Amino acid sequence: MRPAIPFFVAAMAAATLAPPLAAQPMGAPDAGGQAEAPAALTVTVAAPEIATWPVEVQASGWLAAWQEAAISAEVGGQKIVAINVDVGDSVKAGDVLVELSRETLENDLAQLQATVDVAQAALDQATADADRARKLDGSGSVSQQQLSAALITERKARADLASAEARRASAQIDLDRTRITAVGDGVISARSAALGDVVMQGTELFRLIRDGRIEWRAEVPLFQLRDIAVGMKVTIPAPVGDVRGTVRQIAPNASEANGRVIVYVDLDVPEGGPEPKTGLMVSGRFEVGVREAVTVPSSAIVMKDGYSYVFALDAAEPSKVTRIRVETGRRQGDRVEITSDFARDTEVVQAGGAFLSEGSTVRVVATGESAAQVAEGAAK
Protein backbone atom coordinates (compact mmCIF):
# COMPACT_ATOMS: atom_id res chain seq x y z
CA MET A 1 0.00 0.00 0.00
CA ARG A 2 1.42 3.43 -1.17
CA PRO A 3 2.09 6.10 1.38
CA ALA A 4 -0.31 9.12 1.21
CA ILE A 5 0.96 12.33 -0.53
CA PRO A 6 0.73 15.38 1.67
CA PHE A 7 -2.07 17.82 0.62
CA PHE A 8 0.14 20.88 0.09
CA VAL A 9 2.51 18.96 -2.22
CA ALA A 10 -0.43 17.92 -4.39
CA ALA A 11 -1.71 21.50 -4.54
CA MET A 12 1.70 22.83 -5.70
CA ALA A 13 1.90 20.20 -8.38
CA ALA A 14 -1.56 21.12 -9.68
CA ALA A 15 -0.63 24.80 -9.85
CA THR A 16 2.55 24.02 -11.77
CA LEU A 17 0.80 21.85 -14.32
CA ALA A 18 -2.19 24.20 -14.91
CA PRO A 19 -1.97 26.36 -18.17
CA PRO A 20 -1.36 30.14 -17.59
CA LEU A 21 -4.30 32.55 -17.89
CA ALA A 22 -4.27 34.69 -21.08
CA ALA A 23 -3.46 38.40 -20.55
CA GLN A 24 -6.45 40.70 -20.87
CA PRO A 25 -5.71 43.05 -23.84
CA MET A 26 -6.37 46.79 -23.47
CA GLY A 27 -9.65 47.74 -25.03
CA ALA A 28 -10.86 44.13 -25.07
CA PRO A 29 -14.42 43.39 -24.01
CA ASP A 30 -14.85 43.26 -20.25
CA ALA A 31 -16.87 40.64 -18.36
CA GLY A 32 -20.03 42.26 -19.70
CA GLY A 33 -18.76 42.03 -23.34
CA GLN A 34 -18.43 45.89 -23.92
CA ALA A 35 -15.21 47.35 -25.59
CA GLU A 36 -13.64 50.50 -24.09
CA ALA A 37 -14.18 53.45 -26.53
CA PRO A 38 -11.02 55.38 -27.59
CA ALA A 39 -10.68 58.92 -26.23
CA ALA A 40 -11.91 61.69 -28.56
CA LEU A 41 -10.01 64.97 -29.03
CA THR A 42 -12.15 68.04 -28.50
CA VAL A 43 -11.82 70.45 -31.45
CA THR A 44 -13.45 73.48 -33.03
CA VAL A 45 -14.08 73.58 -36.75
CA ALA A 46 -15.03 76.23 -39.29
CA ALA A 47 -15.22 76.66 -43.03
CA PRO A 48 -12.48 78.69 -44.77
CA GLU A 49 -13.01 82.44 -45.00
CA ILE A 50 -12.99 84.34 -48.29
CA ALA A 51 -11.12 87.66 -48.28
CA THR A 52 -9.65 90.14 -50.77
CA TRP A 53 -5.93 90.39 -50.18
CA PRO A 54 -3.21 92.33 -51.99
CA VAL A 55 -1.11 90.38 -54.47
CA GLU A 56 2.58 90.88 -53.75
CA VAL A 57 5.87 89.96 -55.39
CA GLN A 58 8.65 89.21 -52.92
CA ALA A 59 12.24 90.15 -53.79
CA SER A 60 15.61 90.82 -52.19
CA GLY A 61 18.30 93.31 -53.11
CA TRP A 62 20.92 95.76 -51.94
CA LEU A 63 20.51 99.26 -50.57
CA ALA A 64 22.75 101.62 -52.54
CA ALA A 65 23.27 105.30 -53.21
CA TRP A 66 21.03 106.78 -55.90
CA GLN A 67 24.12 108.54 -57.28
CA GLU A 68 27.55 108.67 -55.69
CA ALA A 69 29.95 111.47 -56.66
CA ALA A 70 33.72 111.16 -56.34
CA ILE A 71 35.43 114.32 -55.07
CA SER A 72 39.07 114.45 -56.14
CA ALA A 73 42.00 116.86 -56.16
CA GLU A 74 42.20 118.88 -59.38
CA VAL A 75 45.65 120.26 -58.64
CA GLY A 76 48.68 118.17 -57.69
CA GLY A 77 51.78 118.54 -55.59
CA GLN A 78 50.08 120.40 -52.73
CA LYS A 79 49.75 119.39 -49.09
CA ILE A 80 46.42 118.99 -47.23
CA VAL A 81 46.36 121.65 -44.51
CA ALA A 82 42.71 121.42 -43.36
CA ILE A 83 39.87 118.86 -43.46
CA ASN A 84 36.47 120.32 -42.65
CA VAL A 85 34.11 117.29 -42.90
CA ASP A 86 33.99 113.61 -42.05
CA VAL A 87 31.98 110.53 -43.02
CA GLY A 88 28.27 110.97 -42.32
CA ASP A 89 28.30 114.78 -42.47
CA SER A 90 25.65 116.51 -44.56
CA VAL A 91 27.02 119.18 -46.88
CA LYS A 92 25.67 121.78 -49.28
CA ALA A 93 26.92 122.55 -52.77
CA GLY A 94 29.97 124.80 -52.54
CA ASP A 95 30.92 123.92 -48.97
CA VAL A 96 34.72 123.75 -48.53
CA LEU A 97 35.65 120.16 -47.67
CA VAL A 98 39.47 120.25 -47.88
CA GLU A 99 42.06 123.04 -48.08
CA LEU A 100 45.46 122.58 -49.74
CA SER A 101 48.61 124.63 -49.29
CA ARG A 102 48.66 127.80 -51.44
CA GLU A 103 52.11 129.41 -51.11
CA THR A 104 53.71 127.92 -54.23
CA LEU A 105 50.69 128.66 -56.40
CA GLU A 106 50.46 132.23 -55.05
CA ASN A 107 54.11 132.80 -56.05
CA ASP A 108 53.45 131.36 -59.52
CA LEU A 109 50.46 133.66 -59.87
CA ALA A 110 52.56 136.71 -58.89
CA GLN A 111 55.21 135.79 -61.45
CA LEU A 112 52.63 135.43 -64.19
CA GLN A 113 51.09 138.74 -63.21
CA ALA A 114 54.50 140.34 -63.83
CA THR A 115 54.63 138.64 -67.22
CA VAL A 116 51.26 140.16 -68.04
CA ASP A 117 52.51 143.63 -67.04
CA VAL A 118 55.54 143.24 -69.32
CA ALA A 119 53.36 142.09 -72.19
CA GLN A 120 50.99 144.99 -71.62
CA ALA A 121 53.91 147.47 -71.76
CA ALA A 122 55.19 145.89 -74.97
CA LEU A 123 51.72 146.16 -76.48
CA ASP A 124 51.45 149.82 -75.49
CA GLN A 125 54.78 150.55 -77.22
CA ALA A 126 53.87 148.57 -80.34
CA THR A 127 50.46 150.28 -80.55
CA ALA A 128 52.06 153.73 -80.35
CA ASP A 129 54.56 152.88 -83.10
CA ALA A 130 51.82 151.48 -85.30
CA ASP A 131 49.65 154.56 -84.80
CA ARG A 132 52.49 156.85 -85.91
CA ALA A 133 53.16 154.70 -88.95
CA ARG A 134 49.49 154.78 -89.92
CA LYS A 135 49.41 158.61 -89.69
CA LEU A 136 52.51 158.98 -91.91
CA ASP A 137 51.25 156.50 -94.46
CA GLY A 138 51.05 158.27 -97.85
CA SER A 139 53.26 161.19 -96.88
CA GLY A 140 56.41 159.54 -98.18
CA SER A 141 58.07 159.59 -94.75
CA VAL A 142 57.35 155.90 -94.06
CA SER A 143 57.83 153.11 -96.50
CA GLN A 144 55.32 150.32 -96.92
CA GLN A 145 57.83 147.90 -95.42
CA GLN A 146 58.16 149.99 -92.24
CA LEU A 147 54.39 150.32 -91.96
CA SER A 148 53.90 146.56 -92.28
CA ALA A 149 56.59 145.87 -89.68
CA ALA A 150 54.93 148.24 -87.17
CA LEU A 151 51.52 146.65 -87.66
CA ILE A 152 52.96 143.13 -87.32
CA THR A 153 54.77 144.07 -84.11
CA GLU A 154 51.51 145.44 -82.70
CA ARG A 155 49.62 142.22 -83.47
CA LYS A 156 52.40 140.11 -81.97
CA ALA A 157 52.45 142.20 -78.78
CA ARG A 158 48.66 141.83 -78.48
CA ALA A 159 48.97 138.05 -78.86
CA ASP A 160 51.76 137.92 -76.26
CA LEU A 161 49.53 139.81 -73.82
CA ALA A 162 46.61 137.42 -74.42
CA SER A 163 48.90 134.43 -73.85
CA ALA A 164 50.26 135.90 -70.61
CA GLU A 165 46.73 136.65 -69.36
CA ALA A 166 45.65 133.05 -70.16
CA ARG A 167 48.58 131.64 -68.16
CA ARG A 168 47.71 133.94 -65.28
CA ALA A 169 44.06 132.80 -65.43
CA SER A 170 45.17 129.15 -65.30
CA ALA A 171 47.32 129.88 -62.28
CA GLN A 172 44.35 131.59 -60.62
CA ILE A 173 42.18 128.52 -61.30
CA ASP A 174 44.82 126.25 -59.75
CA LEU A 175 44.95 128.53 -56.73
CA ASP A 176 41.16 128.45 -56.40
CA ARG A 177 41.23 124.65 -56.61
CA THR A 178 43.24 124.44 -53.41
CA ARG A 179 39.85 124.83 -51.71
CA ILE A 180 38.04 121.63 -52.67
CA THR A 181 34.26 122.05 -52.46
CA ALA A 182 31.18 119.83 -52.58
CA VAL A 183 29.78 119.39 -56.08
CA GLY A 184 26.23 119.24 -54.72
CA ASP A 185 24.07 118.65 -51.68
CA GLY A 186 24.48 115.29 -50.03
CA VAL A 187 26.06 113.12 -47.36
CA ILE A 188 29.73 112.17 -47.16
CA SER A 189 29.89 108.37 -47.53
CA ALA A 190 33.68 107.80 -47.66
CA ARG A 191 36.85 109.72 -46.85
CA SER A 192 40.43 109.01 -47.88
CA ALA A 193 41.91 112.47 -47.21
CA ALA A 194 44.44 112.68 -44.38
CA LEU A 195 45.96 115.81 -42.89
CA GLY A 196 49.49 116.43 -44.19
CA ASP A 197 49.17 114.23 -47.30
CA VAL A 198 50.67 115.63 -50.50
CA VAL A 199 48.01 114.89 -53.10
CA MET A 200 48.44 114.21 -56.78
CA GLN A 201 46.06 115.50 -59.40
CA GLY A 202 43.07 113.15 -59.62
CA THR A 203 43.52 111.68 -56.12
CA GLU A 204 40.08 110.79 -54.69
CA LEU A 205 39.50 112.41 -51.31
CA PHE A 206 35.77 111.86 -50.61
CA ARG A 207 32.66 110.15 -51.92
CA LEU A 208 29.33 111.93 -51.72
CA ILE A 209 25.80 110.44 -51.81
CA ARG A 210 23.95 113.01 -53.88
CA ASP A 211 21.00 114.56 -52.05
CA GLY A 212 21.40 111.82 -49.43
CA ARG A 213 19.11 109.59 -51.54
CA ILE A 214 19.28 105.83 -50.91
CA GLU A 215 17.55 103.42 -53.26
CA TRP A 216 16.70 99.73 -53.14
CA ARG A 217 18.00 97.68 -56.06
CA ALA A 218 15.69 94.68 -55.98
CA GLU A 219 16.63 91.57 -57.97
CA VAL A 220 13.43 90.20 -59.52
CA PRO A 221 13.10 86.90 -61.44
CA LEU A 222 12.15 87.43 -65.07
CA PHE A 223 8.84 85.54 -64.80
CA GLN A 224 7.65 87.94 -62.06
CA LEU A 225 8.75 91.09 -63.87
CA ARG A 226 5.58 91.24 -65.96
CA ASP A 227 3.60 92.23 -62.85
CA ILE A 228 5.89 95.17 -61.96
CA ALA A 229 5.67 98.65 -63.46
CA VAL A 230 7.22 102.08 -62.93
CA GLY A 231 5.33 103.99 -60.23
CA MET A 232 4.28 100.84 -58.33
CA LYS A 233 4.35 100.99 -54.52
CA VAL A 234 6.83 98.94 -52.53
CA THR A 235 7.09 98.02 -48.85
CA ILE A 236 10.32 97.06 -47.08
CA PRO A 237 9.76 95.67 -43.55
CA ALA A 238 12.10 97.17 -40.95
CA PRO A 239 12.47 96.72 -37.17
CA VAL A 240 11.37 100.31 -36.47
CA GLY A 241 8.50 100.36 -38.98
CA ASP A 242 7.97 99.60 -42.66
CA VAL A 243 9.77 101.76 -45.23
CA ARG A 244 7.71 102.67 -48.27
CA GLY A 245 9.04 103.26 -51.76
CA THR A 246 8.15 103.71 -55.43
CA VAL A 247 9.53 101.92 -58.49
CA ARG A 248 11.66 104.49 -60.36
CA GLN A 249 13.21 102.43 -63.13
CA ILE A 250 13.52 98.86 -64.40
CA ALA A 251 16.83 97.73 -65.86
CA PRO A 252 16.65 96.87 -69.60
CA ASN A 253 18.75 93.73 -69.23
CA ALA A 254 19.04 90.74 -66.92
CA SER A 255 22.13 89.77 -64.94
CA GLU A 256 24.35 87.20 -66.64
CA ALA A 257 25.18 85.76 -63.21
CA ASN A 258 21.69 84.91 -61.92
CA GLY A 259 19.24 85.86 -64.69
CA ARG A 260 17.45 88.41 -62.49
CA VAL A 261 16.49 91.95 -63.44
CA ILE A 262 17.31 94.91 -61.19
CA VAL A 263 14.36 97.12 -60.26
CA TYR A 264 15.35 100.53 -58.86
CA VAL A 265 13.13 101.74 -56.02
CA ASP A 266 13.18 105.26 -54.55
CA LEU A 267 12.70 105.09 -50.78
CA ASP A 268 10.35 107.46 -48.96
CA VAL A 269 12.07 107.82 -45.59
CA PRO A 270 9.71 109.47 -43.04
CA GLU A 271 10.93 112.71 -41.55
CA GLY A 272 12.82 111.98 -38.36
CA GLY A 273 13.04 108.28 -39.18
CA PRO A 274 16.28 106.29 -39.33
CA GLU A 275 18.30 106.78 -42.50
CA PRO A 276 18.77 103.59 -44.56
CA LYS A 277 22.35 102.37 -44.76
CA THR A 278 24.00 101.45 -48.04
CA GLY A 279 25.47 97.99 -48.49
CA LEU A 280 22.65 96.13 -46.71
CA MET A 281 20.80 93.19 -48.28
CA VAL A 282 17.06 93.59 -47.52
CA SER A 283 13.83 91.96 -48.61
CA GLY A 284 10.67 93.75 -49.67
CA ARG A 285 7.44 93.28 -51.54
CA PHE A 286 5.88 94.89 -54.61
CA GLU A 287 2.13 95.55 -54.39
CA VAL A 288 0.99 94.43 -57.84
CA GLY A 289 -2.80 94.27 -57.25
CA VAL A 290 -5.54 92.50 -55.25
CA ARG A 291 -7.08 89.03 -55.52
CA GLU A 292 -9.61 86.89 -53.67
CA ALA A 293 -8.08 84.48 -51.15
CA VAL A 294 -9.40 81.30 -49.47
CA THR A 295 -7.96 81.50 -45.95
CA VAL A 296 -7.72 79.39 -42.79
CA PRO A 297 -6.12 80.13 -39.42
CA SER A 298 -2.37 79.54 -39.38
CA SER A 299 -2.97 77.19 -36.41
CA ALA A 300 -4.91 74.88 -38.77
CA ILE A 301 -1.82 74.20 -40.88
CA VAL A 302 0.18 71.12 -39.87
CA MET A 303 3.65 70.61 -41.32
CA LYS A 304 4.91 67.07 -41.87
CA ASP A 305 7.72 65.77 -44.08
CA GLY A 306 8.06 69.18 -45.69
CA TYR A 307 4.39 69.40 -46.76
CA SER A 308 1.40 71.35 -45.43
CA TYR A 309 -1.78 69.61 -44.30
CA VAL A 310 -5.13 70.46 -42.73
CA PHE A 311 -7.53 68.14 -40.91
CA ALA A 312 -11.19 68.30 -41.93
CA LEU A 313 -14.32 66.51 -40.79
CA ASP A 314 -15.00 63.41 -42.83
CA ALA A 315 -18.15 64.04 -44.87
CA ALA A 316 -19.22 60.39 -44.53
CA GLU A 317 -18.48 60.13 -40.80
CA PRO A 318 -18.44 63.58 -39.13
CA SER A 319 -17.06 62.20 -35.87
CA LYS A 320 -13.79 61.42 -37.62
CA VAL A 321 -11.25 63.58 -39.47
CA THR A 322 -9.35 63.16 -42.69
CA ARG A 323 -6.00 64.68 -43.56
CA ILE A 324 -5.79 66.88 -46.69
CA ARG A 325 -2.56 68.07 -48.28
CA VAL A 326 -2.70 71.75 -49.28
CA GLU A 327 -0.53 74.41 -50.89
CA THR A 328 -0.23 77.70 -49.03
CA GLY A 329 0.34 81.22 -50.33
CA ARG A 330 -0.03 84.68 -48.86
CA ARG A 331 -0.22 85.41 -45.15
CA GLN A 332 -1.94 88.21 -43.24
CA GLY A 333 -1.92 88.31 -39.49
CA ASP A 334 -2.84 84.85 -38.20
CA ARG A 335 -4.45 83.63 -41.44
CA VAL A 336 -2.94 81.73 -44.38
CA GLU A 337 -4.14 81.47 -47.98
CA ILE A 338 -4.87 78.04 -49.46
CA THR A 339 -3.83 78.12 -53.12
CA SER A 340 -4.56 74.50 -54.04
CA ASP A 341 -8.00 73.21 -55.04
CA PHE A 342 -10.01 73.24 -51.81
CA ALA A 343 -13.76 73.01 -51.21
CA ARG A 344 -14.94 76.22 -49.59
CA ASP A 345 -17.54 74.47 -47.41
CA THR A 346 -15.01 72.05 -45.86
CA GLU A 347 -15.14 72.05 -42.06
CA VAL A 348 -11.51 72.52 -41.04
CA VAL A 349 -10.09 71.77 -37.58
CA GLN A 350 -9.01 75.19 -36.29
CA ALA A 351 -6.27 74.03 -33.90
CA GLY A 352 -4.71 70.92 -32.40
CA GLY A 353 -3.96 69.17 -35.68
CA ALA A 354 -0.61 68.03 -34.34
CA PHE A 355 -2.48 65.64 -32.02
CA LEU A 356 -4.52 64.12 -34.86
CA SER A 357 -3.92 61.48 -37.49
CA GLU A 358 -5.92 60.11 -40.40
CA GLY A 359 -9.24 58.77 -39.12
CA SER A 360 -8.92 60.15 -35.57
CA THR A 361 -12.16 60.42 -33.59
CA VAL A 362 -13.00 63.98 -32.50
CA ARG A 363 -15.63 65.73 -30.45
CA VAL A 364 -16.68 69.00 -32.10
CA VAL A 365 -17.58 71.94 -29.88
CA ALA A 366 -19.06 75.26 -30.95
CA THR A 367 -16.69 78.15 -31.58
CA GLY A 368 -18.21 80.07 -28.68
CA GLU A 369 -17.36 77.41 -26.08
CA SER A 370 -14.49 78.06 -23.73
CA ALA A 371 -10.94 77.44 -24.88
CA ALA A 372 -10.44 75.46 -21.69
CA GLN A 373 -12.66 72.72 -23.08
CA VAL A 374 -10.56 72.44 -26.21
CA ALA A 375 -7.32 72.41 -24.22
CA GLU A 376 -8.75 69.78 -21.89
CA GLY A 377 -9.67 67.58 -24.84
CA ALA A 378 -6.23 67.96 -26.42
CA ALA A 379 -4.57 66.90 -23.16
CA LYS A 380 -6.55 63.66 -22.89
Foldseek 3Di string as FASTA:
>chain_A
DDDDDDPVVVVVVVVVPDDDDDDDDQQAQDPVRHGDDDAFFEFAWDFWDKDKDFDKDKWKFFKDFPDKDWFFQQAFQWFWADADDDAFDWDFFFAFGTATDQVVLVVVLVVLVVQLVVLVVQLVVLVVLLVVLVVCPPVPPDDPVSNVVSVVSNVVSVVSNVVSVVSSVVSVVNNVSSRGTDRGTFGWHDADDDHGDGGGRPGTGTMGRHVPWMKTWTWAAPVPCVLDDFQFKKWFDDPVGIKIWTFHDWDPAADPVPRTTTTIITIDADVPHDRDDGPDMTMIITRRGMDMFGKAFLQQWDDDPRFTWGWFQDPVHRQWIAIDTFDWDDDDDRMIGTPDDDDRRTITGRHLCVQDDGGGGHHYDHPPDDVVSSVVSSVD
